[in-house]
Amino acid sequence: MKAFMSGLLIVVSSVSVSAATYTVTDGYFNSMTIENDDTLIMTGGGGRLIWGRDNGVLDIRNTSSPYVYGVSGIETIRLWENSHLHFSGGSLRLLETTDNASVVLTGGQIGSINAYYPGPGDLNHITIHCQPDWTYQNSYLSGLWLDNSAFNIRLYSQGTSGVFDNITFVPEPSTLLLMGLGSFLLHRRRE
């Protein structure tokens, strides 16, 4: 029995599982699940529902636009369980996120973000790269992406911690450069 278990361990440890990469360039799909370290790269087309789970990576660079139900754009993206989304272009009606899912938004048209964070410890899972003059009023986050295109995203939450509390804003590169230069000059002045 001991020899059998050792042999089984060797066989199991030598099995290699590789993650898959899926690419969508056009067309329209009903539902897709990206999980187990798989990756989705989307440069066109659209879909009704994309699930991100179990370390799945969604890289949405563009979709067919604008969002039209059953025709173009993406209706819903749902992120759970350590999945990751980078949304840089295209059209999305609703983003839903929870657990340890992480989101990076750098462009595109996003209608709404709904997040469920059960407690304040689950913070800063959403990063938005935009120009610094954004506003948040009446549940709407508005501003300009780094390419000067406008966004107006409705935020709503469930649970203890709100969506807005979970957002980290990253300013435009020139602002970062000026902040770094100022820090350098202050440090140099002290010497």
Protein backbone atom coordinates (compact mmCIF):
# COMPACT_ATOMS: atom_id res chain seq x y z
CA MET A 1 0.00 0.00 0.00
CA LYS A 2 2.86 2.38 0.87
CA ALA A 3 4.54 1.71 -2.50
CA PHE A 4 1.23 2.34 -4.29
CA MET A 5 0.77 5.72 -2.56
CA SER A 6 4.36 6.74 -3.37
CA GLY A 7 3.83 5.77 -7.02
CA LEU A 8 0.54 7.70 -7.09
CA LEU A 9 2.24 10.77 -5.64
CA ILE A 10 4.93 10.66 -8.33
CA VAL A 11 2.31 10.34 -11.10
CA VAL A 12 0.17 13.16 -9.71
CA SER A 13 3.13 15.48 -9.16
CA SER A 14 4.29 15.01 -12.75
CA VAL A 15 0.95 16.08 -14.27
CA SER A 16 1.24 19.58 -15.71
CA VAL A 17 -1.77 21.84 -15.99
CA SER A 18 -1.38 24.79 -18.31
CA ALA A 19 -3.62 27.81 -18.46
CA ALA A 20 -5.46 28.63 -21.67
CA THR A 21 -5.68 31.97 -23.47
CA TYR A 22 -8.91 32.84 -25.26
CA THR A 23 -9.13 35.64 -27.82
CA VAL A 24 -12.30 37.42 -28.97
CA THR A 25 -11.98 39.73 -31.97
CA ASP A 26 -15.55 39.91 -33.30
CA GLY A 27 -18.99 38.34 -33.05
CA TYR A 28 -21.29 38.13 -30.04
CA PHE A 29 -21.40 35.34 -27.43
CA ASN A 30 -23.94 34.48 -24.73
CA SER A 31 -21.73 33.50 -21.78
CA MET A 32 -18.06 32.80 -21.05
CA THR A 33 -16.26 31.75 -17.85
CA ILE A 34 -12.56 32.52 -17.43
CA GLU A 35 -11.11 30.60 -14.48
CA ASN A 36 -8.17 28.50 -13.25
CA ASP A 37 -5.50 30.98 -14.40
CA ASP A 38 -7.02 31.19 -17.90
CA THR A 39 -6.84 34.52 -19.77
CA LEU A 40 -9.31 36.30 -22.04
CA ILE A 41 -8.00 38.93 -24.47
CA MET A 42 -10.83 40.85 -26.11
CA THR A 43 -10.12 43.28 -28.95
CA GLY A 44 -13.57 43.42 -30.55
CA GLY A 45 -17.00 41.84 -30.56
CA GLY A 46 -19.30 41.59 -27.57
CA GLY A 47 -21.10 39.33 -25.18
CA ARG A 48 -23.91 39.04 -22.66
CA LEU A 49 -21.97 37.71 -19.63
CA ILE A 50 -18.31 37.13 -18.72
CA TRP A 51 -17.48 35.41 -15.43
CA GLY A 52 -14.00 35.86 -13.95
CA ARG A 53 -13.21 33.29 -11.23
CA ASP A 54 -10.34 31.39 -9.61
CA ASN A 55 -7.46 33.63 -10.77
CA GLY A 56 -8.92 34.18 -14.25
CA VAL A 57 -7.56 37.23 -16.11
CA LEU A 58 -9.75 39.40 -18.33
CA ASP A 59 -7.96 41.88 -20.59
CA ILE A 60 -10.68 43.89 -22.35
CA ARG A 61 -8.94 46.19 -24.83
CA ASN A 62 -11.95 46.94 -27.02
CA THR A 63 -15.45 45.74 -27.89
CA SER A 64 -17.97 46.50 -30.55
CA SER A 65 -19.51 49.82 -29.51
CA PRO A 66 -21.77 51.22 -28.27
CA TYR A 67 -23.38 48.73 -25.90
CA VAL A 68 -26.63 47.44 -27.43
CA TYR A 69 -28.34 44.48 -25.72
CA GLY A 70 -27.69 41.27 -27.66
CA VAL A 71 -25.76 43.05 -30.40
CA SER A 72 -22.60 44.87 -29.26
CA GLY A 73 -20.47 45.67 -26.24
CA ILE A 74 -20.55 43.65 -23.03
CA GLU A 75 -23.67 43.48 -20.88
CA THR A 76 -22.14 42.19 -17.62
CA ILE A 77 -18.75 41.21 -16.23
CA ARG A 78 -18.84 39.37 -12.87
CA LEU A 79 -15.58 38.98 -10.94
CA TRP A 80 -15.03 36.62 -7.98
CA GLU A 81 -12.30 34.66 -6.22
CA ASN A 82 -9.03 36.47 -7.02
CA SER A 83 -9.88 37.13 -10.65
CA HIS A 84 -8.45 40.20 -12.36
CA LEU A 85 -9.87 42.64 -14.92
CA HIS A 86 -8.02 45.24 -16.96
CA PHE A 87 -10.55 47.29 -18.94
CA SER A 88 -8.95 49.77 -21.33
CA GLY A 89 -11.52 50.24 -24.08
CA GLY A 90 -14.89 49.28 -25.41
CA SER A 91 -18.36 49.39 -23.92
CA LEU A 92 -19.58 47.69 -20.73
CA ARG A 93 -23.05 48.07 -19.19
CA LEU A 94 -22.37 46.57 -15.71
CA LEU A 95 -19.30 45.48 -13.75
CA GLU A 96 -19.97 43.40 -10.62
CA THR A 97 -17.08 42.55 -8.30
CA THR A 98 -16.58 40.87 -4.92
CA ASP A 99 -14.11 38.75 -2.93
CA ASN A 100 -10.46 39.50 -3.75
CA ALA A 101 -11.09 40.33 -7.38
CA SER A 102 -9.01 43.25 -8.64
CA VAL A 103 -9.98 45.78 -11.28
CA VAL A 104 -7.86 48.25 -13.27
CA LEU A 105 -9.79 50.75 -15.39
CA THR A 106 -7.92 52.89 -17.92
CA GLY A 107 -10.55 53.74 -20.56
CA GLY A 108 -13.77 52.86 -22.32
CA GLN A 109 -17.45 53.37 -21.54
CA ILE A 110 -18.63 51.75 -18.31
CA GLY A 111 -22.27 52.22 -17.27
CA SER A 112 -22.27 50.96 -13.66
CA ILE A 113 -20.09 49.29 -11.05
CA ASN A 114 -21.70 47.20 -8.32
CA ALA A 115 -19.45 45.82 -5.60
CA TYR A 116 -20.06 43.65 -2.59
CA TYR A 117 -17.42 43.95 0.11
CA PRO A 118 -18.52 42.48 3.44
CA GLY A 119 -16.15 44.56 5.56
CA PRO A 120 -13.76 47.51 5.56
CA GLY A 121 -10.77 45.16 5.41
CA ASP A 122 -11.59 44.37 1.77
CA LEU A 123 -10.47 47.72 0.40
CA ASN A 124 -8.77 49.14 -2.69
CA HIS A 125 -9.52 46.43 -5.20
CA ILE A 126 -10.43 48.94 -7.93
CA THR A 127 -7.78 51.19 -9.52
CA ILE A 128 -8.80 53.96 -11.91
CA HIS A 129 -6.18 55.68 -14.08
CA CYS A 130 -7.63 59.08 -14.94
CA GLN A 131 -6.97 62.79 -14.89
CA PRO A 132 -7.12 64.32 -11.39
CA ASP A 133 -10.22 66.53 -11.82
CA TRP A 134 -12.78 63.73 -11.36
CA THR A 135 -16.00 64.29 -9.36
CA TYR A 136 -18.27 62.02 -7.34
CA GLN A 137 -21.83 63.29 -6.89
CA ASN A 138 -25.21 61.56 -6.51
CA SER A 139 -23.65 58.09 -6.96
CA TYR A 140 -21.94 59.05 -10.25
CA LEU A 141 -18.18 59.16 -10.77
CA SER A 142 -17.31 61.48 -13.67
CA GLY A 143 -14.07 62.62 -15.21
CA LEU A 144 -11.60 62.15 -18.03
CA TRP A 145 -9.48 59.13 -18.86
CA LEU A 146 -5.84 59.82 -19.64
CA ASP A 147 -6.67 60.05 -23.38
CA ASN A 148 -9.15 62.91 -22.60
CA SER A 149 -12.26 60.81 -23.31
CA ALA A 150 -15.02 61.28 -20.74
CA PHE A 151 -16.46 58.73 -18.32
CA ASN A 152 -19.61 58.83 -16.18
CA ILE A 153 -19.96 55.66 -14.08
CA ARG A 154 -22.80 54.92 -11.65
CA LEU A 155 -21.47 53.33 -8.43
CA TYR A 156 -23.60 51.25 -6.11
CA SER A 157 -22.72 48.87 -3.32
CA GLN A 158 -23.89 46.05 -1.18
CA GLY A 159 -22.32 45.12 2.14
CA THR A 160 -20.49 47.20 4.71
CA SER A 161 -17.93 48.85 2.46
CA GLY A 162 -18.97 50.97 -0.52
CA VAL A 163 -17.57 50.93 -4.04
CA PHE A 164 -16.15 54.43 -3.72
CA ASP A 165 -14.24 53.36 -0.57
CA ASN A 166 -12.61 50.61 -2.65
CA ILE A 167 -11.24 52.86 -5.41
CA THR A 168 -7.67 54.04 -5.72
CA PHE A 169 -7.16 56.86 -8.20
CA VAL A 170 -3.91 57.04 -10.14
CA PRO A 171 -3.34 60.48 -11.67
CA GLU A 172 -2.10 61.25 -15.14
CA PRO A 173 1.61 60.67 -15.88
CA SER A 174 2.51 64.39 -15.93
CA THR A 175 1.07 64.82 -12.43
CA LEU A 176 3.11 61.85 -11.23
CA LEU A 177 6.20 63.33 -12.89
CA LEU A 178 5.67 66.70 -11.16
CA MET A 179 5.12 65.00 -7.79
CA GLY A 180 8.33 62.99 -8.25
CA LEU A 181 10.29 66.07 -9.31
CA GLY A 182 9.02 68.00 -6.27
CA SER A 183 10.01 65.14 -3.97
CA PHE A 184 13.46 64.99 -5.56
CA LEU A 185 13.98 68.77 -5.17
CA LEU A 186 12.85 68.67 -1.51
CA HIS A 187 15.23 65.80 -0.79
CA ARG A 188 18.09 67.55 -2.57
CA ARG A 189 17.43 70.80 -0.72
CA ARG A 190 17.78 69.06 2.64
CA GLU A 191 21.28 67.79 1.79
